Amino acid sequence: MRAWYTFTYVLWIIGEIVKGSFAVAGGVYSPRTRSSPAIVEYPLRAATDLEIIAMASSITITPGTLVVGTAHGTLEEGPSLFVHVLFAQSREQVVEDLREMEQRLLRASRGPGGAEAALLPRRSRSAADERFADGRAVRRIRAAGHRTGPGGRSEAGAHSVPGGHAGAGGSSHEQPREQEEDER
């Protein structure tokens, strides 16, 4: 069933590429400027890296549109794409067109009910560094016994040592200090 949705999505994208090509060519060869560029933030329902990459690629391959940036998602909010559109009738129309593209993509990647599953609310976390989707990596690092600092950076071997030296192999005083702080 998903193979059929993938096939129809590819055909739809090819149609969008043809329509976009004519719109861009018409804008280039028109004696007056018909472009009305806009940059729109589009909050994604896509959850996996593959779906996000496919969506960004589908937007960029369509003439007259380009993904100019992404916003990192949190567990409360999904990621967003910032899309530059050359011929924007209105921001609402651009978002609606992107929503249709994403709906078709999610149907191709997840099956007929896949797009509706993307509307489920995200879990919320309380720790600030674990709000981000890559907070899972922070949790794995902590589970392995390593401490993390601001932004999830590992602090192992980055302690100040009396005498101004830092780093692994600096002083024999580092090991007991780390153990004391871990015990607290």
C-alpha atoms as a PDB file:
ATOM      1  CA  MET A   1       0.000   0.000   0.000  1.00  0.00           C
ATOM      2  CA  ARG A   2       2.830   2.423   0.829  1.00  0.00           C
ATOM      3  CA  ALA A   3       4.417   1.666  -2.531  1.00  0.00           C
ATOM      4  CA  TRP A   4       1.320   3.091  -4.215  1.00  0.00           C
ATOM      5  CA  TYR A   5       1.445   6.259  -2.093  1.00  0.00           C
ATOM      6  CA  THR A   6       5.161   6.621  -2.807  1.00  0.00           C
ATOM      7  CA  PHE A   7       4.506   6.253  -6.538  1.00  0.00           C
ATOM      8  CA  THR A   8       1.725   8.870  -6.452  1.00  0.00           C
ATOM      9  CA  TYR A   9       3.956  11.197  -4.389  1.00  0.00           C
ATOM     10  CA  VAL A  10       6.752  10.956  -6.966  1.00  0.00           C
ATOM     11  CA  LEU A  11       4.276  11.677  -9.784  1.00  0.00           C
ATOM     12  CA  TRP A  12       2.856  14.625  -7.812  1.00  0.00           C
ATOM     13  CA  ILE A  13       6.356  16.045  -7.203  1.00  0.00           C
ATOM     14  CA  ILE A  14       7.168  15.740 -10.900  1.00  0.00           C
ATOM     15  CA  GLY A  15       3.975  17.698 -11.651  1.00  0.00           C
ATOM     16  CA  GLU A  16       4.978  20.355  -9.098  1.00  0.00           C
ATOM     17  CA  ILE A  17       8.431  20.604 -10.680  1.00  0.00           C
ATOM     18  CA  VAL A  18       6.887  21.154 -14.119  1.00  0.00           C
ATOM     19  CA  LYS A  19       4.433  23.770 -12.769  1.00  0.00           C
ATOM     20  CA  GLY A  20       7.220  25.514 -10.861  1.00  0.00           C
ATOM     21  CA  SER A  21       9.460  25.523 -13.923  1.00  0.00           C
ATOM     22  CA  PHE A  22       6.793  27.273 -15.990  1.00  0.00           C
ATOM     23  CA  ALA A  23       6.129  29.787 -13.197  1.00  0.00           C
ATOM     24  CA  VAL A  24       9.831  30.647 -12.860  1.00  0.00           C
ATOM     25  CA  ALA A  25      10.339  30.817 -16.637  1.00  0.00           C
ATOM     26  CA  GLY A  26       7.261  33.044 -16.951  1.00  0.00           C
ATOM     27  CA  GLY A  27       8.598  35.289 -14.206  1.00  0.00           C
ATOM     28  CA  VAL A  28      12.026  35.535 -15.803  1.00  0.00           C
ATOM     29  CA  TYR A  29      10.803  36.297 -19.317  1.00  0.00           C
ATOM     30  CA  SER A  30       7.929  38.556 -18.306  1.00  0.00           C
ATOM     31  CA  PRO A  31       8.399  42.255 -19.110  1.00  0.00           C
ATOM     32  CA  ARG A  32       7.218  43.171 -15.613  1.00  0.00           C
ATOM     33  CA  THR A  33       8.193  41.614 -12.313  1.00  0.00           C
ATOM     34  CA  ARG A  34       5.634  39.101 -11.116  1.00  0.00           C
ATOM     35  CA  SER A  35       7.566  37.748  -8.166  1.00  0.00           C
ATOM     36  CA  SER A  36       6.426  38.318  -4.622  1.00  0.00           C
ATOM     37  CA  PRO A  37       9.094  36.588  -2.513  1.00  0.00           C
ATOM     38  CA  ALA A  38       8.500  35.538   1.069  1.00  0.00           C
ATOM     39  CA  ILE A  39      10.201  33.503   3.757  1.00  0.00           C
ATOM     40  CA  VAL A  40       7.802  31.364   5.751  1.00  0.00           C
ATOM     41  CA  GLU A  41       8.389  29.288   8.864  1.00  0.00           C
ATOM     42  CA  TYR A  42       6.729  25.910   8.446  1.00  0.00           C
ATOM     43  CA  PRO A  43       6.368  23.739  11.580  1.00  0.00           C
ATOM     44  CA  LEU A  44       6.853  20.132  10.543  1.00  0.00           C
ATOM     45  CA  ARG A  45       4.778  17.138  11.537  1.00  0.00           C
ATOM     46  CA  ALA A  46       7.518  14.874  10.178  1.00  0.00           C
ATOM     47  CA  ALA A  47       9.337  13.187  13.036  1.00  0.00           C
ATOM     48  CA  THR A  48      12.184  11.113  11.640  1.00  0.00           C
ATOM     49  CA  ASP A  49      15.361  12.440  10.075  1.00  0.00           C
ATOM     50  CA  LEU A  50      14.499  10.670   6.829  1.00  0.00           C
ATOM     51  CA  GLU A  51      11.074  12.360   6.642  1.00  0.00           C
ATOM     52  CA  ILE A  52      12.561  15.787   7.420  1.00  0.00           C
ATOM     53  CA  ILE A  53      15.287  15.351   4.800  1.00  0.00           C
ATOM     54  CA  ALA A  54      12.748  14.133   2.232  1.00  0.00           C
ATOM     55  CA  MET A  55      10.515  17.133   2.950  1.00  0.00           C
ATOM     56  CA  ALA A  56      13.386  19.625   2.699  1.00  0.00           C
ATOM     57  CA  SER A  57      14.612  17.972  -0.500  1.00  0.00           C
ATOM     58  CA  SER A  58      11.121  17.999  -2.008  1.00  0.00           C
ATOM     59  CA  ILE A  59      10.784  21.707  -1.276  1.00  0.00           C
ATOM     60  CA  THR A  60      14.219  22.560  -2.639  1.00  0.00           C
ATOM     61  CA  ILE A  61      13.841  20.497  -5.826  1.00  0.00           C
ATOM     62  CA  THR A  62      10.647  22.384  -6.698  1.00  0.00           C
ATOM     63  CA  PRO A  63      11.540  25.486  -8.775  1.00  0.00           C
ATOM     64  CA  GLY A  64      10.742  28.756  -7.028  1.00  0.00           C
ATOM     65  CA  THR A  65      11.144  27.337  -3.507  1.00  0.00           C
ATOM     66  CA  LEU A  66      14.176  26.810  -1.312  1.00  0.00           C
ATOM     67  CA  VAL A  67      14.743  25.703   2.278  1.00  0.00           C
ATOM     68  CA  VAL A  68      16.959  28.404   3.776  1.00  0.00           C
ATOM     69  CA  GLY A  69      17.095  27.147   7.354  1.00  0.00           C
ATOM     70  CA  THR A  70      15.873  24.748   9.974  1.00  0.00           C
ATOM     71  CA  ALA A  71      14.928  25.139  13.617  1.00  0.00           C
ATOM     72  CA  HIS A  72      15.887  22.375  15.985  1.00  0.00           C
ATOM     73  CA  GLY A  73      12.849  20.696  17.482  1.00  0.00           C
ATOM     74  CA  THR A  74      12.189  20.077  21.149  1.00  0.00           C
ATOM     75  CA  LEU A  75      10.146  17.332  22.712  1.00  0.00           C
ATOM     76  CA  GLU A  76       7.287  19.849  23.090  1.00  0.00           C
ATOM     77  CA  GLU A  77       7.577  21.365  19.599  1.00  0.00           C
ATOM     78  CA  GLY A  78       8.596  19.753  16.356  1.00  0.00           C
ATOM     79  CA  PRO A  79      11.300  21.060  14.058  1.00  0.00           C
ATOM     80  CA  SER A  80      10.560  23.839  11.594  1.00  0.00           C
ATOM     81  CA  LEU A  81      11.761  24.664   8.125  1.00  0.00           C
ATOM     82  CA  PHE A  82      12.254  28.196   6.873  1.00  0.00           C
ATOM     83  CA  VAL A  83      11.199  28.231   3.247  1.00  0.00           C
ATOM     84  CA  HIS A  84      11.885  30.964   0.686  1.00  0.00           C
ATOM     85  CA  VAL A  85       9.139  31.152  -1.934  1.00  0.00           C
ATOM     86  CA  LEU A  86       9.605  33.221  -5.070  1.00  0.00           C
ATOM     87  CA  PHE A  87       5.928  33.504  -6.033  1.00  0.00           C
ATOM     88  CA  ALA A  88       3.945  33.732  -2.798  1.00  0.00           C
ATOM     89  CA  GLN A  89       0.278  34.617  -3.179  1.00  0.00           C
ATOM     90  CA  SER A  90       0.025  34.833   0.622  1.00  0.00           C
ATOM     91  CA  ARG A  91       1.792  33.282   3.584  1.00  0.00           C
ATOM     92  CA  GLU A  92      -1.308  31.241   4.382  1.00  0.00           C
ATOM     93  CA  GLN A  93      -1.361  29.831   0.853  1.00  0.00           C
ATOM     94  CA  VAL A  94       2.330  28.885   1.089  1.00  0.00           C
ATOM     95  CA  VAL A  95       1.755  27.089   4.402  1.00  0.00           C
ATOM     96  CA  GLU A  96      -1.273  25.296   2.939  1.00  0.00           C
ATOM     97  CA  ASP A  97       0.764  24.155  -0.081  1.00  0.00           C
ATOM     98  CA  LEU A  98       3.561  22.923   2.201  1.00  0.00           C
ATOM     99  CA  ARG A  99       1.011  21.141   4.386  1.00  0.00           C
ATOM    100  CA  GLU A 100      -0.318  19.319   1.313  1.00  0.00           C
ATOM    101  CA  MET A 101       3.216  18.311   0.333  1.00  0.00           C
ATOM    102  CA  GLU A 102       3.962  17.034   3.835  1.00  0.00           C
ATOM    103  CA  GLN A 103       0.630  15.188   4.003  1.00  0.00           C
ATOM    104  CA  ARG A 104       1.479  13.339   0.797  1.00  0.00           C
ATOM    105  CA  LEU A 105       5.019  12.632   1.984  1.00  0.00           C
ATOM    106  CA  LEU A 106       3.850  11.250   5.342  1.00  0.00           C
ATOM    107  CA  ARG A 107       1.297   9.080   3.590  1.00  0.00           C
ATOM    108  CA  ALA A 108       4.103   7.728   1.374  1.00  0.00           C
ATOM    109  CA  SER A 109       6.465   7.094   4.292  1.00  0.00           C
ATOM    110  CA  ARG A 110       3.973   5.842   6.916  1.00  0.00           C
ATOM    111  CA  GLY A 111       0.988   4.580   4.988  1.00  0.00           C
ATOM    112  CA  PRO A 112      -2.594   5.886   4.797  1.00  0.00           C
ATOM    113  CA  GLY A 113      -2.977   6.718   8.523  1.00  0.00           C
ATOM    114  CA  GLY A 114       0.596   7.929   8.982  1.00  0.00           C
ATOM    115  CA  ALA A 115      -0.042  11.630   8.593  1.00  0.00           C
ATOM    116  CA  GLU A 116      -2.696  11.616  11.320  1.00  0.00           C
ATOM    117  CA  ALA A 117      -0.309   9.841  13.712  1.00  0.00           C
ATOM    118  CA  ALA A 118       2.030  12.817  13.370  1.00  0.00           C
ATOM    119  CA  LEU A 119      -0.574  15.021  15.055  1.00  0.00           C
ATOM    120  CA  LEU A 120      -0.214  13.279  18.431  1.00  0.00           C
ATOM    121  CA  PRO A 121       1.159  15.552  21.173  1.00  0.00           C
ATOM    122  CA  ARG A 122       4.810  15.269  22.089  1.00  0.00           C
ATOM    123  CA  ARG A 123       5.983  14.176  25.526  1.00  0.00           C
ATOM    124  CA  SER A 124       7.151  16.934  27.814  1.00  0.00           C
ATOM    125  CA  ARG A 125      10.279  16.870  29.953  1.00  0.00           C
ATOM    126  CA  SER A 126      11.263  19.130  32.793  1.00  0.00           C
ATOM    127  CA  ALA A 127      15.071  19.238  32.536  1.00  0.00           C
ATOM    128  CA  ALA A 128      16.159  22.062  30.236  1.00  0.00           C
ATOM    129  CA  ASP A 129      18.944  20.156  28.494  1.00  0.00           C
ATOM    130  CA  GLU A 130      16.676  17.172  27.894  1.00  0.00           C
ATOM    131  CA  ARG A 131      13.952  19.254  26.208  1.00  0.00           C
ATOM    132  CA  PHE A 132      15.831  18.943  22.959  1.00  0.00           C
ATOM    133  CA  ALA A 133      15.470  15.868  20.817  1.00  0.00           C
ATOM    134  CA  ASP A 134      19.184  15.153  21.140  1.00  0.00           C
ATOM    135  CA  GLY A 135      18.703  15.089  24.924  1.00  0.00           C
ATOM    136  CA  ARG A 136      18.507  11.339  24.436  1.00  0.00           C
ATOM    137  CA  ALA A 137      22.253  11.436  23.799  1.00  0.00           C
ATOM    138  CA  VAL A 138      22.725  13.386  27.031  1.00  0.00           C
ATOM    139  CA  ARG A 139      20.762  10.736  28.926  1.00  0.00           C
ATOM    140  CA  ARG A 140      22.907   7.967  27.407  1.00  0.00           C
ATOM    141  CA  ILE A 141      26.107   9.798  28.345  1.00  0.00           C
ATOM    142  CA  ARG A 142      24.853  10.254  31.901  1.00  0.00           C
ATOM    143  CA  ALA A 143      23.794   6.600  32.083  1.00  0.00           C
ATOM    144  CA  ALA A 144      27.331   5.634  31.109  1.00  0.00           C
ATOM    145  CA  GLY A 145      28.603   7.507  34.170  1.00  0.00           C
ATOM    146  CA  HIS A 146      29.908  10.655  32.522  1.00  0.00           C
ATOM    147  CA  ARG A 147      28.943  14.085  33.748  1.00  0.00           C
ATOM    148  CA  THR A 148      27.652  16.684  31.336  1.00  0.00           C
ATOM    149  CA  GLY A 149      27.862  20.442  31.432  1.00  0.00           C
ATOM    150  CA  PRO A 150      25.780  23.186  29.839  1.00  0.00           C
ATOM    151  CA  GLY A 151      24.430  22.224  26.442  1.00  0.00           C
ATOM    152  CA  GLY A 152      25.201  18.553  27.019  1.00  0.00           C
ATOM    153  CA  ARG A 153      28.985  18.892  26.559  1.00  0.00           C
ATOM    154  CA  SER A 154      30.995  16.333  28.428  1.00  0.00           C
ATOM    155  CA  GLU A 155      33.121  17.762  31.176  1.00  0.00           C
ATOM    156  CA  ALA A 156      35.332  14.713  31.552  1.00  0.00           C
ATOM    157  CA  GLY A 157      38.936  15.833  31.553  1.00  0.00           C
ATOM    158  CA  ALA A 158      38.098  19.543  31.426  1.00  0.00           C
ATOM    159  CA  HIS A 159      38.606  20.432  35.085  1.00  0.00           C
ATOM    160  CA  SER A 160      40.850  23.171  36.386  1.00  0.00           C
ATOM    161  CA  VAL A 161      43.863  21.989  38.249  1.00  0.00           C
ATOM    162  CA  PRO A 162      45.796  24.069  40.752  1.00  0.00           C
ATOM    163  CA  GLY A 163      48.606  25.576  38.723  1.00  0.00           C
ATOM    164  CA  GLY A 164      46.375  26.487  35.774  1.00  0.00           C
ATOM    165  CA  HIS A 165      46.554  23.232  33.768  1.00  0.00           C
ATOM    166  CA  ALA A 166      43.409  21.556  32.501  1.00  0.00           C
ATOM    167  CA  GLY A 167      42.617  18.417  30.596  1.00  0.00           C
ATOM    168  CA  ALA A 168      43.139  14.721  30.848  1.00  0.00           C
ATOM    169  CA  GLY A 169      46.516  13.711  32.169  1.00  0.00           C
ATOM    170  CA  GLY A 170      46.924  17.006  34.014  1.00  0.00           C
ATOM    171  CA  SER A 171      47.173  16.190  37.695  1.00  0.00           C
ATOM    172  CA  SER A 172      46.684  13.223  39.949  1.00  0.00           C
ATOM    173  CA  HIS A 173      44.269  15.357  41.999  1.00  0.00           C
ATOM    174  CA  GLU A 174      41.592  15.194  39.276  1.00  0.00           C
ATOM    175  CA  GLN A 175      40.429  11.634  39.901  1.00  0.00           C
ATOM    176  CA  PRO A 176      39.554  12.020  43.630  1.00  0.00           C
ATOM    177  CA  ARG A 177      37.845  15.379  42.973  1.00  0.00           C
ATOM    178  CA  GLU A 178      35.611  13.826  40.273  1.00  0.00           C
ATOM    179  CA  GLN A 179      34.712  10.952  42.570  1.00  0.00           C
ATOM    180  CA  GLU A 180      33.877  13.356  45.438  1.00  0.00           C
ATOM    181  CA  GLU A 181      31.587  15.423  43.199  1.00  0.00           C
ATOM    182  CA  ASP A 182      29.873  12.282  41.855  1.00  0.00           C
ATOM    183  CA  GLU A 183      29.265  11.025  45.395  1.00  0.00           C
ATOM    184  CA  ARG A 184      27.547  14.286  46.355  1.00  0.00           C
END
